[in-house]
C-alpha atoms as a PDB file:
ATOM      1  CA  MET A   1      82.662  15.459  94.117  1.00  0.00           C
ATOM      2  CA  GLN A   2      84.581  15.552  90.414  1.00  0.00           C
ATOM      3  CA  THR A   3      87.051  12.991  89.625  1.00  0.00           C
ATOM      4  CA  TYR A   4      90.108  13.207  87.873  1.00  0.00           C
ATOM      5  CA  SER A   5      92.742  10.674  85.620  1.00  0.00           C
ATOM      6  CA  GLU A   6      95.316  10.554  86.912  1.00  0.00           C
ATOM      7  CA  GLU A   7      97.269  12.539  83.446  1.00  0.00           C
ATOM      8  CA  GLN A   8      94.628  15.218  84.259  1.00  0.00           C
ATOM      9  CA  ILE A   9      95.734  14.832  87.772  1.00  0.00           C
ATOM     10  CA  GLY A  10      99.240  15.678  86.072  1.00  0.00           C
ATOM     11  CA  GLU A  11      98.112  18.520  84.429  1.00  0.00           C
ATOM     12  CA  PHE A  12      96.463  19.809  87.375  1.00  0.00           C
ATOM     13  CA  LYS A  13     100.323  19.350  89.126  1.00  0.00           C
ATOM     14  CA  GLU A  14     102.222  21.016  86.083  1.00  0.00           C
ATOM     15  CA  VAL A  15      99.946  24.258  85.933  1.00  0.00           C
ATOM     16  CA  PHE A  16     100.342  24.535  89.279  1.00  0.00           C
ATOM     17  CA  SER A  17     104.008  24.611  89.531  1.00  0.00           C
ATOM     18  CA  LEU A  18     103.817  27.416  87.216  1.00  0.00           C
ATOM     19  CA  PHE A  19     102.254  29.199  90.426  1.00  0.00           C
ATOM     20  CA  ASP A  20     104.526  27.837  92.905  1.00  0.00           C
ATOM     21  CA  LYS A  21     106.602  31.022  93.205  1.00  0.00           C
ATOM     22  CA  LYS A  22     108.973  29.683  95.988  1.00  0.00           C
ATOM     23  CA  GLY A  23     108.851  26.443  94.466  1.00  0.00           C
ATOM     24  CA  ASN A  24     107.538  24.884  97.931  1.00  0.00           C
ATOM     25  CA  GLY A  25     104.390  22.824  96.612  1.00  0.00           C
ATOM     26  CA  THR A  26     102.388  25.910  97.387  1.00  0.00           C
ATOM     27  CA  ILE A  27     100.663  29.056  96.004  1.00  0.00           C
ATOM     28  CA  GLU A  28      99.850  31.536  97.837  1.00  0.00           C
ATOM     29  CA  PRO A  29      95.879  32.958  98.031  1.00  0.00           C
ATOM     30  CA  ASP A  30      96.292  35.410  95.842  1.00  0.00           C
ATOM     31  CA  ALA A  31      97.360  33.696  92.935  1.00  0.00           C
ATOM     32  CA  LEU A  32      94.237  30.418  93.198  1.00  0.00           C
ATOM     33  CA  GLY A  33      91.166  32.631  90.679  1.00  0.00           C
ATOM     34  CA  ASP A  34      94.572  32.365  88.428  1.00  0.00           C
ATOM     35  CA  THR A  35      95.766  28.849  88.666  1.00  0.00           C
ATOM     36  CA  LEU A  36      92.124  27.876  88.768  1.00  0.00           C
ATOM     37  CA  ARG A  37      91.999  29.596  85.590  1.00  0.00           C
ATOM     38  CA  SER A  38      94.607  28.472  84.069  1.00  0.00           C
ATOM     39  CA  ILE A  39      93.427  25.194  83.648  1.00  0.00           C
ATOM     40  CA  GLY A  40      89.814  26.006  82.326  1.00  0.00           C
ATOM     41  CA  GLN A  41      87.971  26.822  85.185  1.00  0.00           C
ATOM     42  CA  ASN A  42      86.207  29.958  85.473  1.00  0.00           C
ATOM     43  CA  PRO A  43      85.076  30.874  88.535  1.00  0.00           C
ATOM     44  CA  THR A  44      84.711  35.109  89.714  1.00  0.00           C
ATOM     45  CA  GLN A  45      86.223  37.451  91.840  1.00  0.00           C
ATOM     46  CA  ALA A  46      83.429  36.660  94.085  1.00  0.00           C
ATOM     47  CA  GLN A  47      83.765  33.204  93.922  1.00  0.00           C
ATOM     48  CA  VAL A  48      87.589  32.873  94.626  1.00  0.00           C
ATOM     49  CA  ALA A  49      87.114  35.362  98.063  1.00  0.00           C
ATOM     50  CA  GLU A  50      84.324  33.400  98.918  1.00  0.00           C
ATOM     51  CA  ILE A  51      86.976  29.937  98.314  1.00  0.00           C
ATOM     52  CA  ILE A  52      89.577  31.503 100.119  1.00  0.00           C
ATOM     53  CA  ALA A  53      87.164  32.861 103.337  1.00  0.00           C
ATOM     54  CA  ALA A  54      86.052  29.208 103.850  1.00  0.00           C
ATOM     55  CA  LEU A  55      89.515  27.995 104.313  1.00  0.00           C
ATOM     56  CA  PRO A  56      90.470  26.865 107.973  1.00  0.00           C
ATOM     57  CA  ASP A  57      93.078  29.461 108.121  1.00  0.00           C
ATOM     58  CA  LYS A  58      91.742  31.914 105.826  1.00  0.00           C
ATOM     59  CA  GLY A  59      93.459  32.768 103.366  1.00  0.00           C
ATOM     60  CA  ALA A  60      96.376  33.429 105.917  1.00  0.00           C
ATOM     61  CA  LYS A  61      98.835  30.407 104.712  1.00  0.00           C
ATOM     62  CA  PRO A  62      99.565  29.101 101.050  1.00  0.00           C
ATOM     63  CA  LEU A  63      97.893  26.213  99.928  1.00  0.00           C
ATOM     64  CA  SER A  64      98.990  22.843  98.762  1.00  0.00           C
ATOM     65  CA  PHE A  65      97.767  21.037  95.114  1.00  0.00           C
ATOM     66  CA  GLU A  66      95.943  18.588  97.422  1.00  0.00           C
ATOM     67  CA  LEU A  67      94.057  21.824  98.726  1.00  0.00           C
ATOM     68  CA  PHE A  68      93.282  22.946  95.914  1.00  0.00           C
ATOM     69  CA  LEU A  69      92.679  19.592  93.465  1.00  0.00           C
ATOM     70  CA  ASP A  70      89.974  19.591  96.983  1.00  0.00           C
ATOM     71  CA  ILE A  71      89.102  23.440  95.815  1.00  0.00           C
ATOM     72  CA  LEU A  72      89.109  22.402  92.348  1.00  0.00           C
ATOM     73  CA  SER A  73      86.674  19.692  92.573  1.00  0.00           C
ATOM     74  CA  ARG A  74      84.583  21.413  95.026  1.00  0.00           C
ATOM     75  CA  PRO A  75      80.894  19.690  94.455  1.00  0.00           C
ATOM     76  CA  ASP A  76      79.166  22.884  93.007  1.00  0.00           C
ATOM     77  CA  GLY A  77      82.033  24.088  90.999  1.00  0.00           C
ATOM     78  CA  PHE A  78      82.034  27.119  88.405  1.00  0.00           C
ATOM     79  CA  LYS A  79      79.609  28.249  86.092  1.00  0.00           C
ATOM     80  CA  ALA A  80      80.477  28.544  82.912  1.00  0.00           C
ATOM     81  CA  ALA A  81      80.960  32.164  81.446  1.00  0.00           C
ATOM     82  CA  GLY A  82      78.160  32.544  79.077  1.00  0.00           C
ATOM     83  CA  THR A  83      78.192  32.031  75.847  1.00  0.00           C
ATOM     84  CA  THR A  84      78.901  34.658  73.034  1.00  0.00           C
ATOM     85  CA  GLU A  85      75.978  35.103  71.494  1.00  0.00           C
ATOM     86  CA  GLU A  86      74.349  35.805  75.549  1.00  0.00           C
ATOM     87  CA  PHE A  87      76.515  38.331  76.063  1.00  0.00           C
ATOM     88  CA  VAL A  88      75.515  40.332  72.734  1.00  0.00           C
ATOM     89  CA  GLN A  89      72.306  39.494  73.553  1.00  0.00           C
ATOM     90  CA  GLY A  90      73.443  41.160  77.199  1.00  0.00           C
ATOM     91  CA  PHE A  91      74.613  44.323  75.195  1.00  0.00           C
ATOM     92  CA  HIS A  92      72.335  44.576  73.085  1.00  0.00           C
ATOM     93  CA  VAL A  93      70.459  46.725  76.149  1.00  0.00           C
ATOM     94  CA  PHE A  94      72.784  49.454  75.997  1.00  0.00           C
ATOM     95  CA  ASP A  95      71.993  50.105  72.142  1.00  0.00           C
ATOM     96  CA  LYS A  96      69.223  52.426  72.012  1.00  0.00           C
ATOM     97  CA  ASP A  97      69.537  52.446  68.135  1.00  0.00           C
ATOM     98  CA  GLY A  98      69.662  49.163  67.070  1.00  0.00           C
ATOM     99  CA  THR A  99      71.556  50.042  65.098  1.00  0.00           C
ATOM    100  CA  GLY A 100      74.332  46.837  66.683  1.00  0.00           C
ATOM    101  CA  TYR A 101      76.809  50.155  68.297  1.00  0.00           C
ATOM    102  CA  ILE A 102      77.596  51.260  71.514  1.00  0.00           C
ATOM    103  CA  SER A 103      79.835  54.893  72.447  1.00  0.00           C
ATOM    104  CA  ALA A 104      83.081  53.388  74.182  1.00  0.00           C
ATOM    105  CA  GLY A 105      82.234  55.065  77.055  1.00  0.00           C
ATOM    106  CA  GLU A 106      79.197  53.528  77.654  1.00  0.00           C
ATOM    107  CA  LEU A 107      81.378  50.264  76.931  1.00  0.00           C
ATOM    108  CA  ARG A 108      83.386  51.284  79.680  1.00  0.00           C
ATOM    109  CA  TYR A 109      81.104  52.289  82.164  1.00  0.00           C
ATOM    110  CA  VAL A 110      79.863  48.879  81.454  1.00  0.00           C
ATOM    111  CA  LEU A 111      83.191  46.661  82.257  1.00  0.00           C
ATOM    112  CA  THR A 112      83.802  49.028  85.150  1.00  0.00           C
ATOM    113  CA  SER A 113      81.224  49.108  86.836  1.00  0.00           C
ATOM    114  CA  LEU A 114      78.266  46.134  86.725  1.00  0.00           C
ATOM    115  CA  GLY A 115      78.785  42.480  87.538  1.00  0.00           C
ATOM    116  CA  GLU A 116      82.125  41.627  87.792  1.00  0.00           C
ATOM    117  CA  LYS A 117      83.947  45.247  87.112  1.00  0.00           C
ATOM    118  CA  LEU A 118      87.158  45.776  85.112  1.00  0.00           C
ATOM    119  CA  THR A 119      89.394  48.554  86.690  1.00  0.00           C
ATOM    120  CA  ASP A 120      90.214  51.551  83.332  1.00  0.00           C
ATOM    121  CA  ALA A 121      93.798  49.663  82.685  1.00  0.00           C
ATOM    122  CA  GLU A 122      91.730  46.885  81.561  1.00  0.00           C
ATOM    123  CA  VAL A 123      88.860  48.033  79.957  1.00  0.00           C
ATOM    124  CA  ASP A 124      92.574  50.142  78.034  1.00  0.00           C
ATOM    125  CA  GLU A 125      93.734  46.121  77.071  1.00  0.00           C
ATOM    126  CA  LEU A 126      90.516  44.541  75.355  1.00  0.00           C
ATOM    127  CA  LEU A 127      89.681  47.614  73.184  1.00  0.00           C
ATOM    128  CA  LYS A 128      92.678  47.050  71.638  1.00  0.00           C
ATOM    129  CA  TYR A 129      91.081  44.498  70.214  1.00  0.00           C
ATOM    130  CA  VAL A 130      88.430  45.876  67.803  1.00  0.00           C
ATOM    131  CA  GLU A 131      88.075  49.292  66.285  1.00  0.00           C
ATOM    132  CA  VAL A 132      86.775  52.850  67.951  1.00  0.00           C
ATOM    133  CA  SER A 133      84.375  54.560  65.231  1.00  0.00           C
ATOM    134  CA  LYS A 134      85.620  57.935  64.632  1.00  0.00           C
ATOM    135  CA  ASP A 135      82.603  59.450  66.568  1.00  0.00           C
ATOM    136  CA  GLY A 136      83.593  56.925  69.041  1.00  0.00           C
ATOM    137  CA  MET A 137      81.474  53.744  69.068  1.00  0.00           C
ATOM    138  CA  VAL A 138      81.869  49.697  68.966  1.00  0.00           C
ATOM    139  CA  HIS A 139      80.794  47.683  66.964  1.00  0.00           C
ATOM    140  CA  TYR A 140      79.616  45.573  70.341  1.00  0.00           C
ATOM    141  CA  GLU A 141      79.326  42.001  68.497  1.00  0.00           C
ATOM    142  CA  ASP A 142      82.856  42.407  66.557  1.00  0.00           C
ATOM    143  CA  PHE A 143      83.931  43.013  70.643  1.00  0.00           C
ATOM    144  CA  VAL A 144      82.333  40.195  72.079  1.00  0.00           C
ATOM    145  CA  ARG A 145      83.907  37.924  69.253  1.00  0.00           C
ATOM    146  CA  ALA A 146      87.606  39.569  69.709  1.00  0.00           C
ATOM    147  CA  ILE A 147      87.164  38.893  73.079  1.00  0.00           C
ATOM    148  CA  ALA A 148      85.938  35.522  73.164  1.00  0.00           C
ATOM    149  CA  SER A 149      88.269  34.139  70.694  1.00  0.00           C
ATOM    150  CA  ALA A 150      91.589  36.145  72.110  1.00  0.00           C
END
């Protein structure tokens, strides 16, 4: 079980309070993932759903800060998102010609169909960070680096 310093706990409490919409010391279960991500954790949507499903009330009630700290301190924690190089390697699989480019349509398909699926609106937002060539191609290494630095 992870232990945190008083300073860290104070920072977590500050972030938690930003998601405490009613000002009553709790957050809604649907804000759990965003709250965790705001303090540097990287849970997937599936992990968040699994955590909520494991709660005694299955997420029917708001979460207290104490419960949030318990979740944050889980022994198995959250996996790191992966390195930039690992993401570039993942896109390399779709680069049939070995040019460093994949079509914007194929990129959209990958992002909306595989792994942690994004919505079309989320993909549109991500594509704002990278140049799409006249023939609809995206340099995927530039894409990954732009997203990683955003």
